[in-house]
């Protein structure tokens, strides 16, 4: 199976979340993981420029908004 994050922008989002919030961390509870994920999502919501910078590819921007 090939890895092509440019065809699936969510892979870039998950990479950002992992790098900034989860990389090499050990959590004692699932609740702690959930809390950290919520913080990561709020961070991305409040920093739309980050999301745009890692998902703003020309083929996504130029894609039609509705299927033919």
C-alpha atoms as a PDB file:
ATOM      1  CA  UNK A   1       0.000   0.000   0.000  1.00  0.00           C
ATOM      2  CA  UNK A   2       1.513   3.315  -1.021  1.00  0.00           C
ATOM      3  CA  UNK A   3       1.581   6.370   1.217  1.00  0.00           C
ATOM      4  CA  UNK A   4       0.402   9.492  -0.599  1.00  0.00           C
ATOM      5  CA  UNK A   5      -0.548  12.238   1.867  1.00  0.00           C
ATOM      6  CA  UNK A   6      -0.923  14.742  -0.974  1.00  0.00           C
ATOM      7  CA  UNK A   7      -3.990  12.802  -2.106  1.00  0.00           C
ATOM      8  CA  UNK A   8      -5.509  12.866   1.364  1.00  0.00           C
ATOM      9  CA  UNK A   9      -5.000  16.194   3.166  1.00  0.00           C
ATOM     10  CA  UNK A  10      -6.207  14.773   6.488  1.00  0.00           C
ATOM     11  CA  UNK A  11      -2.913  12.874   6.615  1.00  0.00           C
ATOM     12  CA  UNK A  12      -1.132  16.223   6.823  1.00  0.00           C
ATOM     13  CA  UNK A  13      -3.472  17.356   9.611  1.00  0.00           C
ATOM     14  CA  UNK A  14      -2.824  14.152  11.581  1.00  0.00           C
ATOM     15  CA  UNK A  15       0.903  14.654  11.038  1.00  0.00           C
ATOM     16  CA  UNK A  16       0.691  18.156  12.474  1.00  0.00           C
ATOM     17  CA  UNK A  17      -1.314  16.930  15.469  1.00  0.00           C
ATOM     18  CA  UNK A  18       1.116  14.097  16.099  1.00  0.00           C
ATOM     19  CA  UNK A  19       4.209  16.274  15.785  1.00  0.00           C
ATOM     20  CA  UNK A  20       2.962  19.107  17.986  1.00  0.00           C
ATOM     21  CA  UNK A  21       0.856  17.243  20.550  1.00  0.00           C
ATOM     22  CA  UNK A  22       1.542  13.500  20.630  1.00  0.00           C
ATOM     23  CA  UNK A  23       5.087  12.806  19.471  1.00  0.00           C
ATOM     24  CA  UNK A  24       6.892  10.434  21.848  1.00  0.00           C
ATOM     25  CA  UNK A  25       4.499  11.036  24.733  1.00  0.00           C
ATOM     26  CA  UNK A  26       3.055   8.409  27.019  1.00  0.00           C
ATOM     27  CA  UNK A  27      -0.421   8.936  28.419  1.00  0.00           C
ATOM     28  CA  UNK A  28      -1.646   7.237  31.569  1.00  0.00           C
ATOM     29  CA  UNK A  29      -5.324   7.172  30.566  1.00  0.00           C
ATOM     30  CA  UNK A  30      -7.489   7.263  27.492  1.00  0.00           C
ATOM     31  CA  UNK A  31      -9.082  10.387  28.952  1.00  0.00           C
ATOM     32  CA  UNK A  32      -5.678  12.089  28.872  1.00  0.00           C
ATOM     33  CA  UNK A  33      -5.345  11.200  25.179  1.00  0.00           C
ATOM     34  CA  UNK A  34      -8.818  12.548  24.495  1.00  0.00           C
ATOM     35  CA  UNK A  35      -8.060  15.797  26.317  1.00  0.00           C
ATOM     36  CA  UNK A  36      -4.834  16.270  24.371  1.00  0.00           C
ATOM     37  CA  UNK A  37      -6.638  15.625  21.075  1.00  0.00           C
ATOM     38  CA  UNK A  38      -9.288  18.204  21.981  1.00  0.00           C
ATOM     39  CA  UNK A  39      -6.541  20.749  22.697  1.00  0.00           C
ATOM     40  CA  UNK A  40      -4.934  19.965  19.351  1.00  0.00           C
ATOM     41  CA  UNK A  41      -8.206  20.446  17.487  1.00  0.00           C
ATOM     42  CA  UNK A  42      -8.922  23.736  19.248  1.00  0.00           C
ATOM     43  CA  UNK A  43      -5.383  24.853  18.398  1.00  0.00           C
ATOM     44  CA  UNK A  44      -5.990  24.147  14.702  1.00  0.00           C
ATOM     45  CA  UNK A  45      -9.400  25.854  14.784  1.00  0.00           C
ATOM     46  CA  UNK A  46      -7.797  28.955  16.290  1.00  0.00           C
ATOM     47  CA  UNK A  47      -4.867  28.862  13.851  1.00  0.00           C
ATOM     48  CA  UNK A  48      -6.446  28.450  10.446  1.00  0.00           C
ATOM     49  CA  UNK A  49      -3.245  29.618   8.775  1.00  0.00           C
ATOM     50  CA  UNK A  50      -1.559  26.406   9.914  1.00  0.00           C
ATOM     51  CA  UNK A  51      -4.294  24.284   8.350  1.00  0.00           C
ATOM     52  CA  UNK A  52      -4.168  26.327   5.166  1.00  0.00           C
ATOM     53  CA  UNK A  53      -0.389  26.089   4.934  1.00  0.00           C
ATOM     54  CA  UNK A  54      -0.395  22.289   5.059  1.00  0.00           C
ATOM     55  CA  UNK A  55      -3.492  21.618   2.927  1.00  0.00           C
ATOM     56  CA  UNK A  56      -3.632  24.513   0.450  1.00  0.00           C
ATOM     57  CA  UNK A  57      -2.568  22.641  -2.671  1.00  0.00           C
ATOM     58  CA  UNK A  58      -3.411  24.000  -6.103  1.00  0.00           C
ATOM     59  CA  UNK A  59      -5.378  20.911  -7.146  1.00  0.00           C
ATOM     60  CA  UNK A  60      -7.601  21.191  -4.060  1.00  0.00           C
ATOM     61  CA  UNK A  61      -8.199  24.915  -4.500  1.00  0.00           C
ATOM     62  CA  UNK A  62      -8.961  24.584  -8.208  1.00  0.00           C
ATOM     63  CA  UNK A  63     -11.273  21.555  -7.801  1.00  0.00           C
ATOM     64  CA  UNK A  64     -14.922  22.191  -8.624  1.00  0.00           C
ATOM     65  CA  UNK A  65     -17.105  22.514  -5.523  1.00  0.00           C
ATOM     66  CA  UNK A  66     -19.867  20.380  -7.020  1.00  0.00           C
ATOM     67  CA  UNK A  67     -19.571  17.192  -9.067  1.00  0.00           C
ATOM     68  CA  UNK A  68     -20.676  17.446 -12.694  1.00  0.00           C
END
